[in-house]
Amino acid sequence: MARHPYSPEERNQILSRFISAASQIMEEEGMEAVTIRRVAQMAGYRSSTLYHYFQDLDHLIMYASMKYFQEYNHRLAVYITQLTDPYRRFCAIWEFFCDAAFRHPEAFFRLFFGRYRDDLEEIIRIYYEVFPDEFQSTDPIMQDMLSHGNILRRNQSIMMPLVDAGYVTEERLPILNEIIVNCFQVLLEEKMNRGDALENMELIERHQTYIETVLGSR
């Protein structure tokens, strides 16, 4: 007899167990320790079941990497409400983002520049369906940013208040957006390649300097 189809609640519960198991392994042993077999065993399912929900190991790790992204979101949501100036808000968002990314460079590289980067918007949507309590931001700019997967679109959304306030012209927005994101990618790759030989604060300060150079210091 065929099994009845899973309800949305049952499906989300299964996804939650797989993602949580992968996250736990990543946290305790590192990303390289995550395997399909170990995740399935920890979640209490067969490996074949996992493939009904994830394309492969990289796809699963994308979801598990959202844990580190959520840490950034929570810290920023608390702090960002205190800032009203759009330039200071923009710099603070990037400072918090870089701090999280340089502490977990492999995870953030996979999320924003890896194999499944074009699927990130869908991954974010599904992740918040599975873990709805983790979406807590009430700031409209933050909500708009969190809805985008593509990092260029995310950055453009938080740059729009700079246009409205006259810090940046709408014509120059696309190129400035690309420069800021590309600078971040270079620093992130440096961190991945050199590890603890590079201080995170040094990289954060370098990116803030790039922003100030591109937009003009305030």
N, C-alpha and C. Protein backbone atom coordinates (compact mmCIF):
# COMPACT_ATOMS: atom_id res chain seq x y z
N MET A 1 0.86 -1.20 0.00
CA MET A 1 0.00 0.00 0.00
C MET A 1 0.89 1.25 0.00
N ALA A 2 0.56 2.19 -0.88
CA ALA A 2 1.36 3.41 -0.98
C ALA A 2 1.13 4.28 0.25
N ARG A 3 2.19 4.96 0.65
CA ARG A 3 2.08 5.83 1.81
C ARG A 3 1.32 7.10 1.44
N HIS A 4 0.51 7.63 2.36
CA HIS A 4 -0.20 8.87 2.07
C HIS A 4 0.80 10.01 1.94
N PRO A 5 0.50 11.01 1.09
CA PRO A 5 1.43 12.13 0.90
C PRO A 5 1.65 12.87 2.23
N TYR A 6 2.86 13.37 2.38
CA TYR A 6 3.16 14.15 3.57
C TYR A 6 2.39 15.46 3.55
N SER A 7 1.90 15.88 4.69
CA SER A 7 1.29 17.21 4.81
C SER A 7 2.41 18.24 4.85
N PRO A 8 2.11 19.53 4.60
CA PRO A 8 3.15 20.55 4.69
C PRO A 8 3.84 20.57 6.05
N GLU A 9 3.08 20.32 7.12
CA GLU A 9 3.67 20.31 8.46
C GLU A 9 4.64 19.14 8.62
N GLU A 10 4.25 17.97 8.10
CA GLU A 10 5.13 16.80 8.18
C GLU A 10 6.39 17.02 7.34
N ARG A 11 6.22 17.59 6.18
CA ARG A 11 7.37 17.86 5.31
C ARG A 11 8.34 18.81 5.99
N ASN A 12 7.81 19.88 6.58
CA ASN A 12 8.68 20.84 7.27
C ASN A 12 9.39 20.20 8.45
N GLN A 13 8.72 19.27 9.13
CA GLN A 13 9.34 18.59 10.26
C GLN A 13 10.52 17.74 9.80
N ILE A 14 10.36 17.07 8.67
CA ILE A 14 11.45 16.25 8.13
C ILE A 14 12.61 17.15 7.69
N LEU A 15 12.29 18.22 6.99
CA LEU A 15 13.33 19.16 6.58
C LEU A 15 14.08 19.70 7.79
N SER A 16 13.33 20.03 8.84
CA SER A 16 13.94 20.57 10.05
C SER A 16 14.93 19.59 10.65
N ARG A 17 14.58 18.31 10.67
CA ARG A 17 15.47 17.31 11.27
C ARG A 17 16.74 17.14 10.46
N PHE A 18 16.62 17.14 9.14
CA PHE A 18 17.82 17.03 8.29
C PHE A 18 18.72 18.26 8.44
N ILE A 19 18.12 19.45 8.37
CA ILE A 19 18.90 20.68 8.46
C ILE A 19 19.56 20.81 9.82
N SER A 20 18.81 20.51 10.87
CA SER A 20 19.35 20.60 12.22
C SER A 20 20.49 19.61 12.44
N ALA A 21 20.36 18.42 11.89
CA ALA A 21 21.42 17.42 12.02
C ALA A 21 22.68 17.88 11.32
N ALA A 22 22.53 18.40 10.11
CA ALA A 22 23.70 18.90 9.37
C ALA A 22 24.34 20.08 10.09
N SER A 23 23.52 20.96 10.63
CA SER A 23 24.04 22.12 11.36
C SER A 23 24.82 21.69 12.59
N GLN A 24 24.32 20.68 13.28
CA GLN A 24 25.00 20.20 14.49
C GLN A 24 26.37 19.62 14.15
N ILE A 25 26.45 18.86 13.09
CA ILE A 25 27.73 18.29 12.68
C ILE A 25 28.70 19.41 12.28
N MET A 26 28.21 20.38 11.52
CA MET A 26 29.05 21.50 11.12
C MET A 26 29.58 22.24 12.33
N GLU A 27 28.73 22.46 13.31
CA GLU A 27 29.11 23.23 14.49
C GLU A 27 30.13 22.47 15.33
N GLU A 28 29.96 21.16 15.45
CA GLU A 28 30.81 20.37 16.34
C GLU A 28 32.10 19.88 15.68
N GLU A 29 32.04 19.61 14.36
CA GLU A 29 33.18 18.97 13.71
C GLU A 29 33.67 19.68 12.45
N GLY A 30 32.92 20.65 11.97
CA GLY A 30 33.31 21.34 10.76
C GLY A 30 32.54 20.85 9.55
N MET A 31 32.52 21.69 8.52
CA MET A 31 31.74 21.40 7.32
C MET A 31 32.20 20.13 6.62
N GLU A 32 33.50 19.86 6.65
CA GLU A 32 34.03 18.70 5.95
C GLU A 32 33.56 17.38 6.56
N ALA A 33 33.03 17.43 7.79
CA ALA A 33 32.56 16.21 8.46
C ALA A 33 31.13 15.85 8.08
N VAL A 34 30.44 16.73 7.37
CA VAL A 34 29.04 16.48 7.00
C VAL A 34 28.98 15.50 5.84
N THR A 35 28.26 14.41 6.03
CA THR A 35 28.01 13.44 4.96
C THR A 35 26.53 13.10 4.94
N ILE A 36 26.07 12.64 3.80
CA ILE A 36 24.67 12.25 3.66
C ILE A 36 24.32 11.16 4.67
N ARG A 37 25.17 10.16 4.78
CA ARG A 37 24.90 9.04 5.67
C ARG A 37 24.80 9.49 7.13
N ARG A 38 25.73 10.34 7.57
CA ARG A 38 25.73 10.78 8.97
C ARG A 38 24.51 11.64 9.27
N VAL A 39 24.17 12.53 8.36
CA VAL A 39 23.01 13.40 8.57
C VAL A 39 21.73 12.57 8.64
N ALA A 40 21.57 11.64 7.70
CA ALA A 40 20.37 10.81 7.69
C ALA A 40 20.26 9.97 8.96
N GLN A 41 21.39 9.41 9.40
CA GLN A 41 21.38 8.61 10.62
C GLN A 41 20.99 9.45 11.82
N MET A 42 21.56 10.64 11.93
CA MET A 42 21.27 11.51 13.06
C MET A 42 19.80 11.98 13.03
N ALA A 43 19.29 12.21 11.83
CA ALA A 43 17.91 12.69 11.68
C ALA A 43 16.89 11.57 11.87
N GLY A 44 17.35 10.30 11.76
CA GLY A 44 16.45 9.18 11.95
C GLY A 44 15.76 8.72 10.68
N TYR A 45 16.39 8.98 9.52
CA TYR A 45 15.81 8.57 8.24
C TYR A 45 16.86 7.85 7.40
N ARG A 46 16.41 7.22 6.32
CA ARG A 46 17.34 6.61 5.38
C ARG A 46 17.99 7.70 4.51
N SER A 47 19.16 7.38 4.00
CA SER A 47 19.84 8.33 3.10
C SER A 47 18.98 8.62 1.87
N SER A 48 18.27 7.60 1.38
CA SER A 48 17.43 7.78 0.20
C SER A 48 16.33 8.80 0.44
N THR A 49 15.83 8.87 1.68
CA THR A 49 14.79 9.85 2.01
C THR A 49 15.31 11.26 1.89
N LEU A 50 16.56 11.47 2.27
CA LEU A 50 17.15 12.81 2.21
C LEU A 50 17.12 13.36 0.79
N TYR A 51 17.33 12.48 -0.19
CA TYR A 51 17.38 12.93 -1.58
C TYR A 51 16.00 13.33 -2.12
N HIS A 52 14.95 13.07 -1.37
CA HIS A 52 13.63 13.57 -1.76
C HIS A 52 13.51 15.07 -1.48
N TYR A 53 14.41 15.60 -0.64
CA TYR A 53 14.30 16.99 -0.20
C TYR A 53 15.50 17.85 -0.60
N PHE A 54 16.63 17.23 -0.85
CA PHE A 54 17.85 17.96 -1.21
C PHE A 54 18.49 17.31 -2.44
N GLN A 55 19.02 18.16 -3.32
CA GLN A 55 19.59 17.64 -4.56
C GLN A 55 20.86 16.83 -4.32
N ASP A 56 21.68 17.31 -3.40
CA ASP A 56 22.93 16.63 -3.07
C ASP A 56 23.46 17.22 -1.76
N LEU A 57 24.68 16.83 -1.40
CA LEU A 57 25.25 17.29 -0.13
C LEU A 57 25.44 18.80 -0.12
N ASP A 58 25.88 19.38 -1.22
CA ASP A 58 26.08 20.83 -1.28
C ASP A 58 24.77 21.57 -1.04
N HIS A 59 23.69 21.04 -1.60
CA HIS A 59 22.38 21.67 -1.43
C HIS A 59 21.96 21.63 0.04
N LEU A 60 22.17 20.51 0.70
CA LEU A 60 21.86 20.39 2.13
C LEU A 60 22.70 21.36 2.95
N ILE A 61 23.99 21.47 2.63
CA ILE A 61 24.88 22.36 3.38
C ILE A 61 24.47 23.82 3.22
N MET A 62 23.89 24.16 2.08
CA MET A 62 23.37 25.52 1.91
C MET A 62 22.32 25.83 2.99
N TYR A 63 21.41 24.89 3.20
CA TYR A 63 20.38 25.08 4.23
C TYR A 63 21.00 25.12 5.62
N ALA A 64 21.95 24.23 5.88
CA ALA A 64 22.59 24.20 7.19
C ALA A 64 23.40 25.47 7.44
N SER A 65 23.93 26.07 6.39
CA SER A 65 24.72 27.30 6.53
C SER A 65 23.86 28.50 6.92
N MET A 66 22.55 28.39 6.72
CA MET A 66 21.65 29.46 7.11
C MET A 66 21.72 29.73 8.61
N LYS A 67 22.17 28.76 9.39
CA LYS A 67 22.33 28.95 10.83
C LYS A 67 23.24 30.15 11.12
N TYR A 68 24.35 30.24 10.40
CA TYR A 68 25.30 31.33 10.61
C TYR A 68 24.74 32.64 10.09
N PHE A 69 23.97 32.56 9.02
CA PHE A 69 23.32 33.74 8.47
C PHE A 69 22.31 34.29 9.45
N GLN A 70 21.61 33.38 10.16
CA GLN A 70 20.62 33.79 11.14
C GLN A 70 21.27 34.49 12.33
N GLU A 71 22.45 34.04 12.73
CA GLU A 71 23.16 34.71 13.82
C GLU A 71 23.41 36.17 13.47
N TYR A 72 23.80 36.39 12.23
CA TYR A 72 24.01 37.76 11.75
C TYR A 72 22.72 38.55 11.76
N ASN A 73 21.65 37.95 11.27
CA ASN A 73 20.36 38.64 11.22
C ASN A 73 19.88 39.06 12.61
N HIS A 74 20.00 38.17 13.58
CA HIS A 74 19.54 38.47 14.94
C HIS A 74 20.34 39.62 15.55
N ARG A 75 21.65 39.56 15.43
CA ARG A 75 22.50 40.62 16.00
C ARG A 75 22.21 41.96 15.34
N LEU A 76 22.05 41.95 14.03
CA LEU A 76 21.81 43.19 13.31
C LEU A 76 20.45 43.78 13.63
N ALA A 77 19.42 42.93 13.75
CA ALA A 77 18.06 43.41 14.02
C ALA A 77 17.99 44.18 15.32
N VAL A 78 18.77 43.74 16.31
CA VAL A 78 18.78 44.43 17.60
C VAL A 78 19.45 45.79 17.50
N TYR A 79 20.51 45.86 16.71
CA TYR A 79 21.33 47.08 16.65
C TYR A 79 20.77 48.11 15.67
N ILE A 80 20.23 47.63 14.55
CA ILE A 80 19.90 48.52 13.44
C ILE A 80 18.80 49.52 13.78
N THR A 81 17.92 49.19 14.72
CA THR A 81 16.83 50.09 15.06
C THR A 81 17.33 51.39 15.70
N GLN A 82 18.57 51.37 16.18
CA GLN A 82 19.13 52.56 16.82
C GLN A 82 19.69 53.56 15.80
N LEU A 83 19.79 53.15 14.56
CA LEU A 83 20.41 53.99 13.53
C LEU A 83 19.36 54.52 12.56
N THR A 84 19.32 55.82 12.41
CA THR A 84 18.37 56.43 11.48
C THR A 84 19.05 56.99 10.24
N ASP A 85 20.32 57.38 10.36
CA ASP A 85 21.04 57.92 9.21
C ASP A 85 21.31 56.80 8.22
N PRO A 86 20.92 56.94 6.95
CA PRO A 86 21.04 55.84 5.98
C PRO A 86 22.49 55.42 5.71
N TYR A 87 23.42 56.37 5.75
CA TYR A 87 24.82 56.02 5.52
C TYR A 87 25.35 55.17 6.67
N ARG A 88 25.06 55.56 7.91
CA ARG A 88 25.52 54.79 9.06
C ARG A 88 24.86 53.43 9.10
N ARG A 89 23.59 53.36 8.72
CA ARG A 89 22.90 52.07 8.66
C ARG A 89 23.56 51.15 7.64
N PHE A 90 23.86 51.71 6.48
CA PHE A 90 24.48 50.91 5.43
C PHE A 90 25.82 50.36 5.88
N CYS A 91 26.65 51.21 6.47
CA CYS A 91 27.96 50.77 6.94
C CYS A 91 27.82 49.73 8.05
N ALA A 92 26.84 49.92 8.94
CA ALA A 92 26.65 48.97 10.04
C ALA A 92 26.19 47.61 9.53
N ILE A 93 25.30 47.60 8.54
CA ILE A 93 24.83 46.34 7.98
C ILE A 93 26.01 45.56 7.40
N TRP A 94 26.88 46.26 6.67
CA TRP A 94 28.04 45.60 6.10
C TRP A 94 29.04 45.17 7.17
N GLU A 95 29.21 45.98 8.20
CA GLU A 95 30.14 45.61 9.27
C GLU A 95 29.69 44.32 9.96
N PHE A 96 28.40 44.22 10.27
CA PHE A 96 27.87 43.01 10.89
C PHE A 96 27.96 41.83 9.93
N PHE A 97 27.66 42.08 8.66
CA PHE A 97 27.70 41.02 7.66
C PHE A 97 29.12 40.47 7.51
N CYS A 98 30.10 41.36 7.41
CA CYS A 98 31.50 40.94 7.28
C CYS A 98 31.97 40.19 8.52
N ASP A 99 31.56 40.66 9.68
CA ASP A 99 31.96 40.00 10.93
C ASP A 99 31.49 38.54 10.92
N ALA A 100 30.24 38.32 10.53
CA ALA A 100 29.71 36.96 10.48
C ALA A 100 30.38 36.14 9.38
N ALA A 101 30.57 36.77 8.22
CA ALA A 101 31.13 36.04 7.07
C ALA A 101 32.57 35.62 7.31
N PHE A 102 33.38 36.48 7.93
CA PHE A 102 34.78 36.14 8.12
C PHE A 102 34.97 35.14 9.26
N ARG A 103 33.95 35.00 10.13
CA ARG A 103 34.00 33.94 11.15
C ARG A 103 33.59 32.59 10.57
N HIS A 104 32.79 32.61 9.50
CA HIS A 104 32.34 31.38 8.85
C HIS A 104 32.48 31.54 7.34
N PRO A 105 33.70 31.70 6.84
CA PRO A 105 33.89 32.06 5.43
C PRO A 105 33.39 31.01 4.44
N GLU A 106 33.61 29.72 4.74
CA GLU A 106 33.16 28.68 3.81
C GLU A 106 31.64 28.68 3.68
N ALA A 107 30.95 28.85 4.80
CA ALA A 107 29.49 28.86 4.77
C ALA A 107 28.96 30.04 3.97
N PHE A 108 29.51 31.22 4.20
CA PHE A 108 29.02 32.41 3.50
C PHE A 108 29.40 32.38 2.02
N PHE A 109 30.55 31.81 1.71
CA PHE A 109 30.92 31.70 0.30
C PHE A 109 29.94 30.78 -0.42
N ARG A 110 29.61 29.66 0.20
CA ARG A 110 28.63 28.75 -0.40
C ARG A 110 27.29 29.45 -0.60
N LEU A 111 26.85 30.19 0.40
CA LEU A 111 25.55 30.85 0.32
C LEU A 111 25.48 31.84 -0.82
N PHE A 112 26.49 32.69 -0.96
CA PHE A 112 26.38 33.83 -1.88
C PHE A 112 27.18 33.71 -3.17
N PHE A 113 28.15 32.79 -3.21
CA PHE A 113 28.96 32.67 -4.42
C PHE A 113 29.14 31.23 -4.88
N GLY A 114 28.53 30.29 -4.19
CA GLY A 114 28.73 28.88 -4.47
C GLY A 114 27.84 28.33 -5.57
N ARG A 115 27.84 27.02 -5.67
CA ARG A 115 27.15 26.31 -6.75
C ARG A 115 25.66 26.59 -6.80
N TYR A 116 25.03 26.73 -5.64
CA TYR A 116 23.58 26.93 -5.58
C TYR A 116 23.20 28.37 -5.23
N ARG A 117 24.09 29.32 -5.53
CA ARG A 117 23.81 30.71 -5.19
C ARG A 117 22.54 31.24 -5.87
N ASP A 118 22.25 30.74 -7.08
CA ASP A 118 21.06 31.21 -7.79
C ASP A 118 19.78 30.67 -7.18
N ASP A 119 19.90 29.67 -6.31
CA ASP A 119 18.74 29.09 -5.63
C ASP A 119 18.54 29.67 -4.23
N LEU A 120 19.40 30.62 -3.84
CA LEU A 120 19.39 31.09 -2.46
C LEU A 120 18.07 31.74 -2.07
N GLU A 121 17.45 32.47 -2.98
CA GLU A 121 16.18 33.11 -2.64
C GLU A 121 15.12 32.08 -2.28
N GLU A 122 15.07 30.97 -3.05
CA GLU A 122 14.14 29.89 -2.74
C GLU A 122 14.53 29.19 -1.45
N ILE A 123 15.83 29.02 -1.22
CA ILE A 123 16.30 28.39 0.01
C ILE A 123 15.91 29.23 1.22
N ILE A 124 16.07 30.55 1.13
CA ILE A 124 15.68 31.45 2.21
C ILE A 124 14.19 31.33 2.48
N ARG A 125 13.38 31.30 1.42
CA ARG A 125 11.92 31.20 1.59
C ARG A 125 11.55 29.91 2.32
N ILE A 126 12.11 28.80 1.86
CA ILE A 126 11.79 27.51 2.48
C ILE A 126 12.32 27.45 3.90
N TYR A 127 13.51 27.98 4.12
CA TYR A 127 14.10 27.94 5.46
C TYR A 127 13.21 28.65 6.47
N TYR A 128 12.67 29.81 6.10
CA TYR A 128 11.81 30.54 7.03
C TYR A 128 10.44 29.89 7.18
N GLU A 129 10.03 29.08 6.20
CA GLU A 129 8.82 28.28 6.39
C GLU A 129 9.06 27.17 7.41
N VAL A 130 10.25 26.58 7.35
CA VAL A 130 10.59 25.50 8.27
C VAL A 130 10.88 26.03 9.67
N PHE A 131 11.54 27.20 9.73
CA PHE A 131 11.90 27.81 11.02
C PHE A 131 11.30 29.23 11.09
N PRO A 132 9.98 29.34 11.16
CA PRO A 132 9.34 30.67 11.10
C PRO A 132 9.71 31.58 12.25
N ASP A 133 10.06 31.03 13.40
CA ASP A 133 10.40 31.87 14.56
C ASP A 133 11.71 32.64 14.35
N GLU A 134 12.49 32.23 13.36
CA GLU A 134 13.78 32.89 13.15
C GLU A 134 13.65 34.17 12.33
N PHE A 135 12.48 34.39 11.72
CA PHE A 135 12.26 35.62 10.97
C PHE A 135 11.60 36.63 11.89
N GLN A 136 12.42 37.53 12.45
CA GLN A 136 11.91 38.43 13.49
C GLN A 136 12.01 39.91 13.13
N SER A 137 12.64 40.25 12.03
CA SER A 137 12.84 41.66 11.72
C SER A 137 11.52 42.34 11.33
N THR A 138 11.26 43.49 11.91
CA THR A 138 10.09 44.29 11.55
C THR A 138 10.49 45.52 10.76
N ASP A 139 11.79 45.74 10.59
CA ASP A 139 12.28 46.89 9.83
C ASP A 139 12.02 46.61 8.34
N PRO A 140 11.31 47.51 7.62
CA PRO A 140 10.95 47.23 6.23
C PRO A 140 12.15 47.08 5.31
N ILE A 141 13.21 47.84 5.55
CA ILE A 141 14.41 47.71 4.72
C ILE A 141 15.06 46.36 4.96
N MET A 142 15.12 45.94 6.22
CA MET A 142 15.70 44.65 6.55
C MET A 142 14.85 43.52 5.96
N GLN A 143 13.54 43.64 6.04
CA GLN A 143 12.66 42.61 5.49
C GLN A 143 12.89 42.47 3.99
N ASP A 144 13.03 43.60 3.31
CA ASP A 144 13.27 43.56 1.86
C ASP A 144 14.61 42.89 1.57
N MET A 145 15.64 43.24 2.32
CA MET A 145 16.96 42.66 2.13
C MET A 145 16.92 41.15 2.36
N LEU A 146 16.25 40.71 3.43
CA LEU A 146 16.22 39.30 3.79
C LEU A 146 15.45 38.45 2.79
N SER A 147 14.62 39.09 1.97
CA SER A 147 13.83 38.33 1.00
C SER A 147 14.62 38.00 -0.25
N HIS A 148 15.78 38.63 -0.45
CA HIS A 148 16.57 38.42 -1.65
C HIS A 148 17.70 37.43 -1.40
N GLY A 149 17.98 36.58 -2.39
CA GLY A 149 19.09 35.66 -2.29
C GLY A 149 20.33 36.22 -2.95
N ASN A 150 20.18 36.75 -4.16
CA ASN A 150 21.30 37.30 -4.89
C ASN A 150 21.92 38.45 -4.12
N ILE A 151 23.23 38.39 -3.91
CA ILE A 151 23.87 39.38 -3.05
C ILE A 151 23.85 40.78 -3.66
N LEU A 152 23.89 40.88 -4.97
CA LEU A 152 23.80 42.19 -5.61
C LEU A 152 22.43 42.82 -5.39
N ARG A 153 21.39 42.01 -5.47
CA ARG A 153 20.04 42.52 -5.21
C ARG A 153 19.87 42.90 -3.75
N ARG A 154 20.47 42.11 -2.85
CA ARG A 154 20.40 42.41 -1.43
C ARG A 154 21.06 43.75 -1.14
N ASN A 155 22.25 43.94 -1.70
CA ASN A 155 22.97 45.18 -1.43
C ASN A 155 22.27 46.38 -2.07
N GLN A 156 21.70 46.17 -3.25
CA GLN A 156 20.99 47.27 -3.89
C GLN A 156 19.79 47.71 -3.05
N SER A 157 19.13 46.75 -2.42
CA SER A 157 17.95 47.10 -1.61
C SER A 157 18.33 47.97 -0.42
N ILE A 158 19.52 47.73 0.18
CA ILE A 158 19.91 48.56 1.32
C ILE A 158 20.64 49.82 0.88
N MET A 159 20.95 49.93 -0.43
CA MET A 159 21.54 51.16 -0.95
C MET A 159 20.48 52.17 -1.37
N MET A 160 19.25 51.72 -1.59
CA MET A 160 18.21 52.62 -2.06
C MET A 160 17.98 53.81 -1.13
N PRO A 161 18.00 53.63 0.21
CA PRO A 161 17.87 54.81 1.08
C PRO A 161 19.00 55.83 0.88
N LEU A 162 20.17 55.36 0.44
CA LEU A 162 21.26 56.29 0.14
C LEU A 162 20.92 57.14 -1.07
N VAL A 163 20.22 56.56 -2.02
CA VAL A 163 19.77 57.32 -3.19
C VAL A 163 18.72 58.33 -2.76
N ASP A 164 17.76 57.88 -1.96
CA ASP A 164 16.68 58.78 -1.50
C ASP A 164 17.21 59.95 -0.69
N ALA A 165 18.32 59.70 0.05
CA ALA A 165 18.88 60.76 0.90
C ALA A 165 19.91 61.62 0.17
N GLY A 166 20.19 61.29 -1.09
CA GLY A 166 21.11 62.09 -1.87
C GLY A 166 22.58 61.73 -1.73
N TYR A 167 22.88 60.61 -1.05
CA TYR A 167 24.28 60.19 -0.91
C TYR A 167 24.81 59.60 -2.21
N VAL A 168 23.91 58.96 -2.98
CA VAL A 168 24.28 58.27 -4.20
C VAL A 168 23.26 58.61 -5.28
N THR A 169 23.71 58.81 -6.52
CA THR A 169 22.77 59.04 -7.60
C THR A 169 22.26 57.70 -8.13
N GLU A 170 21.05 57.71 -8.64
CA GLU A 170 20.47 56.47 -9.15
C GLU A 170 21.27 55.92 -10.33
N GLU A 171 21.88 56.82 -11.11
CA GLU A 171 22.66 56.39 -12.27
C GLU A 171 23.91 55.62 -11.85
N ARG A 172 24.52 56.03 -10.74
CA ARG A 172 25.76 55.39 -10.31
C ARG A 172 25.52 54.20 -9.38
N LEU A 173 24.29 54.00 -8.98
CA LEU A 173 23.99 52.93 -8.05
C LEU A 173 24.45 51.55 -8.53
N PRO A 174 24.17 51.14 -9.77
CA PRO A 174 24.56 49.78 -10.19
C PRO A 174 26.06 49.53 -10.12
N ILE A 175 26.89 50.47 -10.58
CA ILE A 175 28.33 50.23 -10.57
C ILE A 175 28.89 50.27 -9.17
N LEU A 176 28.39 51.17 -8.33
CA LEU A 176 28.85 51.23 -6.95
C LEU A 176 28.46 49.96 -6.20
N ASN A 177 27.28 49.45 -6.49
CA ASN A 177 26.81 48.21 -5.90
C ASN A 177 27.77 47.07 -6.26
N GLU A 178 28.13 46.96 -7.51
CA GLU A 178 29.03 45.89 -7.96
C GLU A 178 30.40 46.01 -7.30
N ILE A 179 30.92 47.22 -7.19
CA ILE A 179 32.25 47.42 -6.60
C ILE A 179 32.26 46.95 -5.15
N ILE A 180 31.26 47.36 -4.38
CA ILE A 180 31.20 47.00 -2.96
C ILE A 180 31.09 45.49 -2.78
N VAL A 181 30.24 44.85 -3.56
CA VAL A 181 30.07 43.39 -3.46
C VAL A 181 31.33 42.66 -3.91
N ASN A 182 31.94 43.13 -5.00
CA ASN A 182 33.16 42.48 -5.49
C ASN A 182 34.30 42.60 -4.50
N CYS A 183 34.41 43.75 -3.83
CA CYS A 183 35.43 43.91 -2.79
C CYS A 183 35.22 42.90 -1.66
N PHE A 184 33.97 42.71 -1.29
CA PHE A 184 33.67 41.73 -0.24
C PHE A 184 34.07 40.32 -0.68
N GLN A 185 33.75 39.96 -1.91
CA GLN A 185 34.08 38.62 -2.39
C GLN A 185 35.59 38.37 -2.36
N VAL A 186 36.37 39.36 -2.76
CA VAL A 186 37.83 39.22 -2.74
C VAL A 186 38.32 38.99 -1.32
N LEU A 187 37.80 39.77 -0.37
CA LEU A 187 38.22 39.60 1.03
C LEU A 187 37.80 38.25 1.58
N LEU A 188 36.61 37.81 1.22
CA LEU A 188 36.12 36.52 1.70
C LEU A 188 37.00 35.39 1.17
N GLU A 189 37.40 35.47 -0.09
CA GLU A 189 38.27 34.45 -0.66
C GLU A 189 39.65 34.48 0.00
N GLU A 190 40.13 35.68 0.31
CA GLU A 190 41.40 35.79 1.04
C GLU A 190 41.31 35.07 2.38
N LYS A 191 40.20 35.28 3.09
CA LYS A 191 40.02 34.65 4.39
C LYS A 191 39.96 33.13 4.25
N MET A 192 39.27 32.64 3.25
CA MET A 192 39.19 31.20 3.03
C MET A 192 40.57 30.61 2.75
N ASN A 193 41.38 31.33 2.00
CA ASN A 193 42.69 30.81 1.60
C ASN A 193 43.73 30.91 2.71
N ARG A 194 43.64 31.96 3.53
CA ARG A 194 44.69 32.20 4.52
C ARG A 194 44.27 31.94 5.96
N GLY A 195 42.97 31.79 6.19
CA GLY A 195 42.48 31.40 7.50
C GLY A 195 42.91 32.34 8.62
N ASP A 196 43.40 31.78 9.71
CA ASP A 196 43.75 32.56 10.89
C ASP A 196 44.94 33.49 10.68
N ALA A 197 45.62 33.35 9.55
CA ALA A 197 46.72 34.27 9.25
C ALA A 197 46.20 35.68 8.99
N LEU A 198 44.93 35.80 8.72
CA LEU A 198 44.29 37.11 8.52
C LEU A 198 43.35 37.40 9.67
N GLU A 199 43.53 38.52 10.33
CA GLU A 199 42.64 38.93 11.41
C GLU A 199 41.31 39.41 10.83
N ASN A 200 40.22 38.94 11.43
CA ASN A 200 38.90 39.34 10.93
C ASN A 200 38.69 40.84 11.01
N MET A 201 39.13 41.47 12.10
CA MET A 201 38.93 42.90 12.25
C MET A 201 39.65 43.68 11.17
N GLU A 202 40.81 43.19 10.78
CA GLU A 202 41.56 43.85 9.70
C GLU A 202 40.76 43.81 8.40
N LEU A 203 40.14 42.66 8.12
CA LEU A 203 39.35 42.53 6.90
C LEU A 203 38.10 43.39 6.96
N ILE A 204 37.46 43.44 8.13
CA ILE A 204 36.27 44.29 8.29
C ILE A 204 36.63 45.75 8.05
N GLU A 205 37.73 46.19 8.63
CA GLU A 205 38.16 47.58 8.46
C GLU A 205 38.52 47.88 7.01
N ARG A 206 39.11 46.91 6.33
CA ARG A 206 39.43 47.11 4.92
C ARG A 206 38.16 47.30 4.10
N HIS A 207 37.14 46.49 4.39
CA HIS A 207 35.90 46.63 3.62
C HIS A 207 35.20 47.95 3.94
N GLN A 208 35.23 48.36 5.19
CA GLN A 208 34.65 49.66 5.55
C GLN A 208 35.38 50.79 4.82
N THR A 209 36.70 50.64 4.69
CA THR A 209 37.48 51.65 3.96
C THR A 209 37.10 51.67 2.49
N TYR A 210 36.85 50.50 1.91
CA TYR A 210 36.40 50.44 0.52
C TYR A 210 35.07 51.17 0.36
N ILE A 211 34.15 50.95 1.30
CA ILE A 211 32.85 51.63 1.24
C ILE A 211 33.03 53.14 1.32
N GLU A 212 33.85 53.59 2.26
CA GLU A 212 34.09 55.02 2.41
C GLU A 212 34.73 55.62 1.17
N THR A 213 35.63 54.87 0.53
CA THR A 213 36.28 55.34 -0.69
C THR A 213 35.30 55.44 -1.85
N VAL A 214 34.42 54.43 -1.95
CA VAL A 214 33.47 54.39 -3.04
C VAL A 214 32.35 55.41 -2.88
N LEU A 215 31.84 55.53 -1.64
CA LEU A 215 30.70 56.41 -1.40
C LEU A 215 31.11 57.79 -0.89
N GLY A 216 32.35 57.89 -0.38
CA GLY A 216 32.77 59.13 0.26
C GLY A 216 32.54 59.03 1.74
N SER A 217 33.54 59.36 2.55
CA SER A 217 33.40 59.28 4.02
C SER A 217 32.41 60.32 4.51
N ARG A 218 31.76 60.01 5.63
CA ARG A 218 30.77 60.93 6.21
C ARG A 218 31.15 61.24 7.65
